[in-house]
Each structure stands twice: as structure tokens, then as C-alpha cells.
Amino acid sequence: MAGIVYGLCMLVAVGCSILLFRNYSRTKHRLILWTGLCFVGLSLNNFLLVVDYLTPKTLDLSIVRIIPALIGMLLLVYGLICEDK
């Protein structure tokens, strides 16, 4: 059951990033770009969470799983700080 929930979270994050990039292509607001990039990182994080859940417990992907989420959040913080519009 947990694998299904993790997979749905991944699909929602992918959907959000697609919608954000589509909106960015129309409006060209750079904060939407940074938010879309953040959701790409969260999507990768959720994908790695599903992979980590499905692999044997001898292989721990927790550190590898956190890196895309951290990069995505850092991109969002950069966009929030540097975009003054």
C-alpha cells in the first residue's frame, strides 16, 4: 500500500512541474520557473523513494534520495531571494 501512495505522490509532483513549466512558457515569470525546477527535484526524490521502497532492505538509498529534494529546495530559495519582481 505504501508503494502506491509513494507512486501517487510522484505523479502529483510530476503533474505540478508540468503545469508550472507550461504556465512559465506562457507568462515568462521567472519565479514560476524556479518553482517548476523545485518540483522536478521533488519528483526525482519521490521516484527514488519508490525505488528505495521496492529494493531489498540491504541497499539504503536515503542519502541519494535526499539530494534531488535538497537541490530543488535550494533552487526555490534562490529564486525567492533573487527574483524581486
PDB file of N, CA and C in Angstrom:
ATOM      1  N   MET A   1       0.818  -1.201   0.000  1.00  0.00           N
ATOM      2  CA  MET A   1       0.000   0.000   0.000  1.00  0.00           C
ATOM      3  C   MET A   1       0.864   1.269   0.000  1.00  0.00           C
ATOM      4  N   ALA A   2       1.983   1.214   0.733  1.00  0.00           N
ATOM      5  CA  ALA A   2       2.848   2.390   0.805  1.00  0.00           C
ATOM      6  C   ALA A   2       3.461   2.702  -0.556  1.00  0.00           C
ATOM      7  N   GLY A   3       3.782   1.672  -1.329  1.00  0.00           N
ATOM      8  CA  GLY A   3       4.341   1.903  -2.661  1.00  0.00           C
ATOM      9  C   GLY A   3       3.374   2.634  -3.568  1.00  0.00           C
ATOM     10  N   ILE A   4       2.084   2.342  -3.424  1.00  0.00           N
ATOM     11  CA  ILE A   4       1.061   3.028  -4.227  1.00  0.00           C
ATOM     12  C   ILE A   4       0.989   4.499  -3.837  1.00  0.00           C
ATOM     13  N   VAL A   5       1.034   4.773  -2.548  1.00  0.00           N
ATOM     14  CA  VAL A   5       0.978   6.162  -2.078  1.00  0.00           C
ATOM     15  C   VAL A   5       2.206   6.931  -2.547  1.00  0.00           C
ATOM     16  N   TYR A   6       3.398   6.313  -2.454  1.00  0.00           N
ATOM     17  CA  TYR A   6       4.614   6.968  -2.921  1.00  0.00           C
ATOM     18  C   TYR A   6       4.562   7.224  -4.423  1.00  0.00           C
ATOM     19  N   GLY A   7       4.019   6.273  -5.172  1.00  0.00           N
ATOM     20  CA  GLY A   7       3.883   6.456  -6.613  1.00  0.00           C
ATOM     21  C   GLY A   7       2.913   7.579  -6.961  1.00  0.00           C
ATOM     22  N   LEU A   8       1.814   7.673  -6.219  1.00  0.00           N
ATOM     23  CA  LEU A   8       0.860   8.756  -6.456  1.00  0.00           C
ATOM     24  C   LEU A   8       1.469  10.115  -6.108  1.00  0.00           C
ATOM     25  N   CYS A   9       2.256  10.157  -5.057  1.00  0.00           N
ATOM     26  CA  CYS A   9       2.949  11.413  -4.718  1.00  0.00           C
ATOM     27  C   CYS A   9       3.899  11.822  -5.833  1.00  0.00           C
ATOM     28  N   MET A  10       4.579  10.848  -6.426  1.00  0.00           N
ATOM     29  CA  MET A  10       5.477  11.138  -7.531  1.00  0.00           C
ATOM     30  C   MET A  10       4.696  11.677  -8.732  1.00  0.00           C
ATOM     31  N   LEU A  11       3.559  11.063  -9.039  1.00  0.00           N
ATOM     32  CA  LEU A  11       2.751  11.527 -10.173  1.00  0.00           C
ATOM     33  C   LEU A  11       2.207  12.933  -9.943  1.00  0.00           C
ATOM     34  N   VAL A  12       1.825  13.237  -8.718  1.00  0.00           N
ATOM     35  CA  VAL A  12       1.337  14.591  -8.412  1.00  0.00           C
ATOM     36  C   VAL A  12       2.455  15.609  -8.576  1.00  0.00           C
ATOM     37  N   ALA A  13       3.662  15.283  -8.105  1.00  0.00           N
ATOM     38  CA  ALA A  13       4.791  16.205  -8.244  1.00  0.00           C
ATOM     39  C   ALA A  13       5.158  16.404  -9.712  1.00  0.00           C
ATOM     40  N   VAL A  14       5.112  15.342 -10.510  1.00  0.00           N
ATOM     41  CA  VAL A  14       5.382  15.462 -11.950  1.00  0.00           C
ATOM     42  C   VAL A  14       4.314  16.325 -12.604  1.00  0.00           C
ATOM     43  N   GLY A  15       3.062  16.106 -12.234  1.00  0.00           N
ATOM     44  CA  GLY A  15       1.967  16.916 -12.786  1.00  0.00           C
ATOM     45  C   GLY A  15       2.113  18.389 -12.434  1.00  0.00           C
ATOM     46  N   CYS A  16       2.498  18.667 -11.192  1.00  0.00           N
ATOM     47  CA  CYS A  16       2.704  20.060 -10.791  1.00  0.00           C
ATOM     48  C   CYS A  16       3.837  20.699 -11.584  1.00  0.00           C
ATOM     49  N   SER A  17       4.927  19.968 -11.781  1.00  0.00           N
ATOM     50  CA  SER A  17       6.042  20.546 -12.539  1.00  0.00           C
ATOM     51  C   SER A  17       5.656  20.788 -13.994  1.00  0.00           C
ATOM     52  N   ILE A  18       4.884  19.887 -14.582  1.00  0.00           N
ATOM     53  CA  ILE A  18       4.431  20.086 -15.965  1.00  0.00           C
ATOM     54  C   ILE A  18       3.547  21.321 -16.062  1.00  0.00           C
ATOM     55  N   LEU A  19       2.611  21.456 -15.137  1.00  0.00           N
ATOM     56  CA  LEU A  19       1.729  22.621 -15.160  1.00  0.00           C
ATOM     57  C   LEU A  19       2.496  23.919 -14.921  1.00  0.00           C
ATOM     58  N   LEU A  20       3.486  23.879 -14.037  1.00  0.00           N
ATOM     59  CA  LEU A  20       4.276  25.078 -13.787  1.00  0.00           C
ATOM     60  C   LEU A  20       5.109  25.465 -15.002  1.00  0.00           C
ATOM     61  N   PHE A  21       5.730  24.498 -15.669  1.00  0.00           N
ATOM     62  CA  PHE A  21       6.512  24.824 -16.865  1.00  0.00           C
ATOM     63  C   PHE A  21       5.629  25.308 -18.007  1.00  0.00           C
ATOM     64  N   ARG A  22       4.433  24.756 -18.106  1.00  0.00           N
ATOM     65  CA  ARG A  22       3.505  25.221 -19.141  1.00  0.00           C
ATOM     66  C   ARG A  22       3.083  26.666 -18.874  1.00  0.00           C
ATOM     67  N   ASN A  23       2.848  26.972 -17.598  1.00  0.00           N
ATOM     68  CA  ASN A  23       2.491  28.339 -17.243  1.00  0.00           C
ATOM     69  C   ASN A  23       3.678  29.278 -17.449  1.00  0.00           C
ATOM     70  N   TYR A  24       4.880  28.816 -17.161  1.00  0.00           N
ATOM     71  CA  TYR A  24       6.065  29.647 -17.385  1.00  0.00           C
ATOM     72  C   TYR A  24       6.251  29.960 -18.868  1.00  0.00           C
ATOM     73  N   SER A  25       5.953  28.999 -19.727  1.00  0.00           N
ATOM     74  CA  SER A  25       6.122  29.242 -21.159  1.00  0.00           C
ATOM     75  C   SER A  25       5.150  30.305 -21.669  1.00  0.00           C
ATOM     76  N   ARG A  26       4.029  30.458 -20.992  1.00  0.00           N
ATOM     77  CA  ARG A  26       3.075  31.490 -21.395  1.00  0.00           C
ATOM     78  C   ARG A  26       3.382  32.843 -20.781  1.00  0.00           C
ATOM     79  N   THR A  27       3.733  32.871 -19.485  1.00  0.00           N
ATOM     80  CA  THR A  27       3.849  34.146 -18.783  1.00  0.00           C
ATOM     81  C   THR A  27       5.277  34.667 -18.672  1.00  0.00           C
ATOM     82  N   LYS A  28       6.262  33.780 -18.710  1.00  0.00           N
ATOM     83  CA  LYS A  28       7.685  34.117 -18.563  1.00  0.00           C
ATOM     84  C   LYS A  28       8.005  34.748 -17.202  1.00  0.00           C
ATOM     85  N   HIS A  29       7.215  34.442 -16.167  1.00  0.00           N
ATOM     86  CA  HIS A  29       7.568  34.854 -14.807  1.00  0.00           C
ATOM     87  C   HIS A  29       8.604  33.885 -14.268  1.00  0.00           C
ATOM     88  N   ARG A  30       9.756  34.435 -13.898  1.00  0.00           N
ATOM     89  CA  ARG A  30      10.877  33.566 -13.535  1.00  0.00           C
ATOM     90  C   ARG A  30      10.662  32.815 -12.228  1.00  0.00           C
ATOM     91  N   LEU A  31       9.839  33.336 -11.328  1.00  0.00           N
ATOM     92  CA  LEU A  31       9.575  32.615 -10.083  1.00  0.00           C
ATOM     93  C   LEU A  31       8.843  31.297 -10.359  1.00  0.00           C
ATOM     94  N   ILE A  32       8.022  31.276 -11.393  1.00  0.00           N
ATOM     95  CA  ILE A  32       7.346  30.036 -11.783  1.00  0.00           C
ATOM     96  C   ILE A  32       8.367  29.025 -12.296  1.00  0.00           C
ATOM     97  N   LEU A  33       9.389  29.501 -12.987  1.00  0.00           N
ATOM     98  CA  LEU A  33      10.464  28.611 -13.438  1.00  0.00           C
ATOM     99  C   LEU A  33      11.170  27.972 -12.258  1.00  0.00           C
ATOM    100  N   TRP A  34      11.530  28.768 -11.254  1.00  0.00           N
ATOM    101  CA  TRP A  34      12.228  28.230 -10.093  1.00  0.00           C
ATOM    102  C   TRP A  34      11.341  27.239  -9.334  1.00  0.00           C
ATOM    103  N   THR A  35      10.058  27.514  -9.260  1.00  0.00           N
ATOM    104  CA  THR A  35       9.142  26.600  -8.588  1.00  0.00           C
ATOM    105  C   THR A  35       9.011  25.303  -9.375  1.00  0.00           C
ATOM    106  N   GLY A  36       8.968  25.390 -10.699  1.00  0.00           N
ATOM    107  CA  GLY A  36       8.924  24.195 -11.528  1.00  0.00           C
ATOM    108  C   GLY A  36      10.171  23.343 -11.367  1.00  0.00           C
ATOM    109  N   LEU A  37      11.319  23.986 -11.283  1.00  0.00           N
ATOM    110  CA  LEU A  37      12.563  23.246 -11.066  1.00  0.00           C
ATOM    111  C   LEU A  37      12.575  22.582  -9.689  1.00  0.00           C
ATOM    112  N   CYS A  38      12.004  23.250  -8.706  1.00  0.00           N
ATOM    113  CA  CYS A  38      11.891  22.656  -7.380  1.00  0.00           C
ATOM    114  C   CYS A  38      11.039  21.388  -7.435  1.00  0.00           C
ATOM    115  N   PHE A  39       9.933  21.439  -8.168  1.00  0.00           N
ATOM    116  CA  PHE A  39       9.073  20.266  -8.267  1.00  0.00           C
ATOM    117  C   PHE A  39       9.719  19.141  -9.080  1.00  0.00           C
ATOM    118  N   VAL A  40      10.620  19.472  -9.986  1.00  0.00           N
ATOM    119  CA  VAL A  40      11.377  18.420 -10.667  1.00  0.00           C
ATOM    120  C   VAL A  40      12.251  17.686  -9.658  1.00  0.00           C
ATOM    121  N   GLY A  41      12.898  18.443  -8.776  1.00  0.00           N
ATOM    122  CA  GLY A  41      13.695  17.808  -7.727  1.00  0.00           C
ATOM    123  C   GLY A  41      12.850  16.962  -6.796  1.00  0.00           C
ATOM    124  N   LEU A  42      11.660  17.444  -6.454  1.00  0.00           N
ATOM    125  CA  LEU A  42      10.772  16.669  -5.589  1.00  0.00           C
ATOM    126  C   LEU A  42      10.255  15.425  -6.309  1.00  0.00           C
ATOM    127  N   SER A  43      10.053  15.530  -7.616  1.00  0.00           N
ATOM    128  CA  SER A  43       9.637  14.353  -8.392  1.00  0.00           C
ATOM    129  C   SER A  43      10.725  13.287  -8.388  1.00  0.00           C
ATOM    130  N   LEU A  44      11.968  13.719  -8.583  1.00  0.00           N
ATOM    131  CA  LEU A  44      13.085  12.774  -8.527  1.00  0.00           C
ATOM    132  C   LEU A  44      13.217  12.157  -7.139  1.00  0.00           C
ATOM    133  N   ASN A  45      12.993  12.966  -6.119  1.00  0.00           N
ATOM    134  CA  ASN A  45      13.024  12.460  -4.754  1.00  0.00           C
ATOM    135  C   ASN A  45      11.959  11.380  -4.559  1.00  0.00           C
ATOM    136  N   ASN A  46      10.758  11.620  -5.035  1.00  0.00           N
ATOM    137  CA  ASN A  46       9.684  10.636  -4.889  1.00  0.00           C
ATOM    138  C   ASN A  46       9.956   9.386  -5.721  1.00  0.00           C
ATOM    139  N   PHE A  47      10.545   9.549  -6.908  1.00  0.00           N
ATOM    140  CA  PHE A  47      10.900   8.388  -7.714  1.00  0.00           C
ATOM    141  C   PHE A  47      11.924   7.516  -6.983  1.00  0.00           C
ATOM    142  N   LEU A  48      12.938   8.156  -6.414  1.00  0.00           N
ATOM    143  CA  LEU A  48      13.945   7.405  -5.674  1.00  0.00           C
ATOM    144  C   LEU A  48      13.362   6.785  -4.407  1.00  0.00           C
ATOM    145  N   LEU A  49      12.343   7.419  -3.840  1.00  0.00           N
ATOM    146  CA  LEU A  49      11.664   6.829  -2.690  1.00  0.00           C
ATOM    147  C   LEU A  49      10.955   5.542  -3.085  1.00  0.00           C
ATOM    148  N   VAL A  50      10.308   5.534  -4.249  1.00  0.00           N
ATOM    149  CA  VAL A  50       9.656   4.313  -4.738  1.00  0.00           C
ATOM    150  C   VAL A  50      10.698   3.239  -5.003  1.00  0.00           C
ATOM    151  N   VAL A  51      11.821   3.615  -5.631  1.00  0.00           N
ATOM    152  CA  VAL A  51      12.893   2.650  -5.901  1.00  0.00           C
ATOM    153  C   VAL A  51      13.453   2.112  -4.590  1.00  0.00           C
ATOM    154  N   ASP A  52      13.644   2.986  -3.622  1.00  0.00           N
ATOM    155  CA  ASP A  52      14.161   2.565  -2.318  1.00  0.00           C
ATOM    156  C   ASP A  52      13.180   1.633  -1.622  1.00  0.00           C
ATOM    157  N   TYR A  53      11.903   1.886  -1.778  1.00  0.00           N
ATOM    158  CA  TYR A  53      10.890   1.034  -1.149  1.00  0.00           C
ATOM    159  C   TYR A  53      10.850  -0.355  -1.789  1.00  0.00           C
ATOM    160  N   LEU A  54      11.086  -0.409  -3.094  1.00  0.00           N
ATOM    161  CA  LEU A  54      10.991  -1.682  -3.811  1.00  0.00           C
ATOM    162  C   LEU A  54      12.266  -2.515  -3.787  1.00  0.00           C
ATOM    163  N   THR A  55      13.388  -1.905  -3.444  1.00  0.00           N
ATOM    164  CA  THR A  55      14.649  -2.651  -3.396  1.00  0.00           C
ATOM    165  C   THR A  55      14.785  -3.364  -2.054  1.00  0.00           C
ATOM    166  N   PRO A  56      15.662  -4.359  -1.997  1.00  0.00           N
ATOM    167  CA  PRO A  56      15.874  -5.044  -0.710  1.00  0.00           C
ATOM    168  C   PRO A  56      16.392  -4.087   0.362  1.00  0.00           C
ATOM    169  N   LYS A  57      16.118  -4.404   1.583  1.00  0.00           N
ATOM    170  CA  LYS A  57      16.482  -3.516   2.697  1.00  0.00           C
ATOM    171  C   LYS A  57      17.990  -3.441   2.926  1.00  0.00           C
ATOM    172  N   THR A  58      18.761  -4.284   2.283  1.00  0.00           N
ATOM    173  CA  THR A  58      20.215  -4.208   2.437  1.00  0.00           C
ATOM    174  C   THR A  58      20.796  -3.002   1.709  1.00  0.00           C
ATOM    175  N   LEU A  59      20.072  -2.467   0.734  1.00  0.00           N
ATOM    176  CA  LEU A  59      20.515  -1.299  -0.026  1.00  0.00           C
ATOM    177  C   LEU A  59      19.765  -0.079   0.485  1.00  0.00           C
ATOM    178  N   ASP A  60      20.482   0.874   1.050  1.00  0.00           N
ATOM    179  CA  ASP A  60      19.867   2.074   1.607  1.00  0.00           C
ATOM    180  C   ASP A  60      20.124   3.260   0.681  1.00  0.00           C
ATOM    181  N   LEU A  61      19.069   3.823   0.143  1.00  0.00           N
ATOM    182  CA  LEU A  61      19.184   4.964  -0.773  1.00  0.00           C
ATOM    183  C   LEU A  61      18.778   6.283  -0.120  1.00  0.00           C
ATOM    184  N   SER A  62      18.783   6.355   1.188  1.00  0.00           N
ATOM    185  CA  SER A  62      18.274   7.552   1.850  1.00  0.00           C
ATOM    186  C   SER A  62      19.102   8.799   1.535  1.00  0.00           C
ATOM    187  N   ILE A  63      20.409   8.676   1.480  1.00  0.00           N
ATOM    188  CA  ILE A  63      21.247   9.839   1.175  1.00  0.00           C
ATOM    189  C   ILE A  63      21.072  10.243  -0.285  1.00  0.00           C
ATOM    190  N   VAL A  64      21.069   9.272  -1.183  1.00  0.00           N
ATOM    191  CA  VAL A  64      20.887   9.553  -2.613  1.00  0.00           C
ATOM    192  C   VAL A  64      19.504  10.156  -2.855  1.00  0.00           C
ATOM    193  N   ARG A  65      18.535   9.724  -2.081  1.00  0.00           N
ATOM    194  CA  ARG A  65      17.155  10.177  -2.236  1.00  0.00           C
ATOM    195  C   ARG A  65      16.989  11.630  -1.804  1.00  0.00           C
ATOM    196  N   ILE A  66      17.752  12.072  -0.844  1.00  0.00           N
ATOM    197  CA  ILE A  66      17.597  13.419  -0.297  1.00  0.00           C
ATOM    198  C   ILE A  66      18.230  14.473  -1.212  1.00  0.00           C
ATOM    199  N   ILE A  67      19.246  14.102  -1.967  1.00  0.00           N
ATOM    200  CA  ILE A  67      19.994  15.067  -2.775  1.00  0.00           C
ATOM    201  C   ILE A  67      19.108  15.814  -3.792  1.00  0.00           C
ATOM    202  N   PRO A  68      18.243  15.148  -4.596  1.00  0.00           N
ATOM    203  CA  PRO A  68      17.404  15.917  -5.531  1.00  0.00           C
ATOM    204  C   PRO A  68      16.431  16.863  -4.831  1.00  0.00           C
ATOM    205  N   ALA A  69      15.901  16.453  -3.678  1.00  0.00           N
ATOM    206  CA  ALA A  69      14.993  17.336  -2.942  1.00  0.00           C
ATOM    207  C   ALA A  69      15.744  18.547  -2.403  1.00  0.00           C
ATOM    208  N   LEU A  70      16.954  18.337  -1.938  1.00  0.00           N
ATOM    209  CA  LEU A  70      17.754  19.452  -1.431  1.00  0.00           C
ATOM    210  C   LEU A  70      18.094  20.428  -2.545  1.00  0.00           C
ATOM    211  N   ILE A  71      18.488  19.911  -3.699  1.00  0.00           N
ATOM    212  CA  ILE A  71      18.803  20.782  -4.839  1.00  0.00           C
ATOM    213  C   ILE A  71      17.560  21.547  -5.275  1.00  0.00           C
ATOM    214  N   GLY A  72      16.418  20.868  -5.323  1.00  0.00           N
ATOM    215  CA  GLY A  72      15.180  21.538  -5.701  1.00  0.00           C
ATOM    216  C   GLY A  72      14.801  22.645  -4.741  1.00  0.00           C
ATOM    217  N   MET A  73      14.929  22.390  -3.454  1.00  0.00           N
ATOM    218  CA  MET A  73      14.609  23.416  -2.463  1.00  0.00           C
ATOM    219  C   MET A  73      15.586  24.581  -2.528  1.00  0.00           C
ATOM    220  N   LEU A  74      16.856  24.277  -2.758  1.00  0.00           N
ATOM    221  CA  LEU A  74      17.835  25.357  -2.899  1.00  0.00           C
ATOM    222  C   LEU A  74      17.551  26.225  -4.118  1.00  0.00           C
ATOM    223  N   LEU A  75      17.108  25.606  -5.207  1.00  0.00           N
ATOM    224  CA  LEU A  75      16.721  26.384  -6.384  1.00  0.00           C
ATOM    225  C   LEU A  75      15.532  27.283  -6.083  1.00  0.00           C
ATOM    226  N   LEU A  76      14.574  26.774  -5.328  1.00  0.00           N
ATOM    227  CA  LEU A  76      13.411  27.584  -4.974  1.00  0.00           C
ATOM    228  C   LEU A  76      13.811  28.732  -4.058  1.00  0.00           C
ATOM    229  N   VAL A  77      14.669  28.480  -3.087  1.00  0.00           N
ATOM    230  CA  VAL A  77      15.131  29.552  -2.198  1.00  0.00           C
ATOM    231  C   VAL A  77      15.904  30.598  -2.991  1.00  0.00           C
ATOM    232  N   TYR A  78      16.747  30.147  -3.920  1.00  0.00           N
ATOM    233  CA  TYR A  78      17.473  31.094  -4.769  1.00  0.00           C
ATOM    234  C   TYR A  78      16.497  31.958  -5.567  1.00  0.00           C
ATOM    235  N   GLY A  79      15.489  31.321  -6.138  1.00  0.00           N
ATOM    236  CA  GLY A  79      14.505  32.073  -6.911  1.00  0.00           C
ATOM    237  C   GLY A  79      13.728  33.053  -6.044  1.00  0.00           C
ATOM    238  N   LEU A  80      13.391  32.665  -4.832  1.00  0.00           N
ATOM    239  CA  LEU A  80      12.660  33.574  -3.941  1.00  0.00           C
ATOM    240  C   LEU A  80      13.516  34.751  -3.515  1.00  0.00           C
ATOM    241  N   ILE A  81      14.808  34.525  -3.340  1.00  0.00           N
ATOM    242  CA  ILE A  81      15.677  35.607  -2.903  1.00  0.00           C
ATOM    243  C   ILE A  81      16.042  36.531  -4.063  1.00  0.00           C
ATOM    244  N   CYS A  82      16.360  35.959  -5.221  1.00  0.00           N
ATOM    245  CA  CYS A  82      16.916  36.750  -6.318  1.00  0.00           C
ATOM    246  C   CYS A  82      15.874  37.379  -7.227  1.00  0.00           C
ATOM    247  N   GLU A  83      14.669  36.857  -7.243  1.00  0.00           N
ATOM    248  CA  GLU A  83      13.639  37.437  -8.087  1.00  0.00           C
ATOM    249  C   GLU A  83      12.908  38.518  -7.312  1.00  0.00           C
ATOM    250  N   ASP A  84      13.078  39.760  -7.719  1.00  0.00           N
ATOM    251  CA  ASP A  84      12.488  40.874  -6.977  1.00  0.00           C
ATOM    252  C   ASP A  84      11.260  41.461  -7.664  1.00  0.00           C
ATOM    253  N   LYS A  85      10.681  40.724  -8.582  1.00  0.00           N
ATOM    254  CA  LYS A  85       9.512  41.231  -9.289  1.00  0.00           C
ATOM    255  C   LYS A  85       8.257  40.937  -8.519  1.00  0.00           C
TER     256      LYS A  85
END
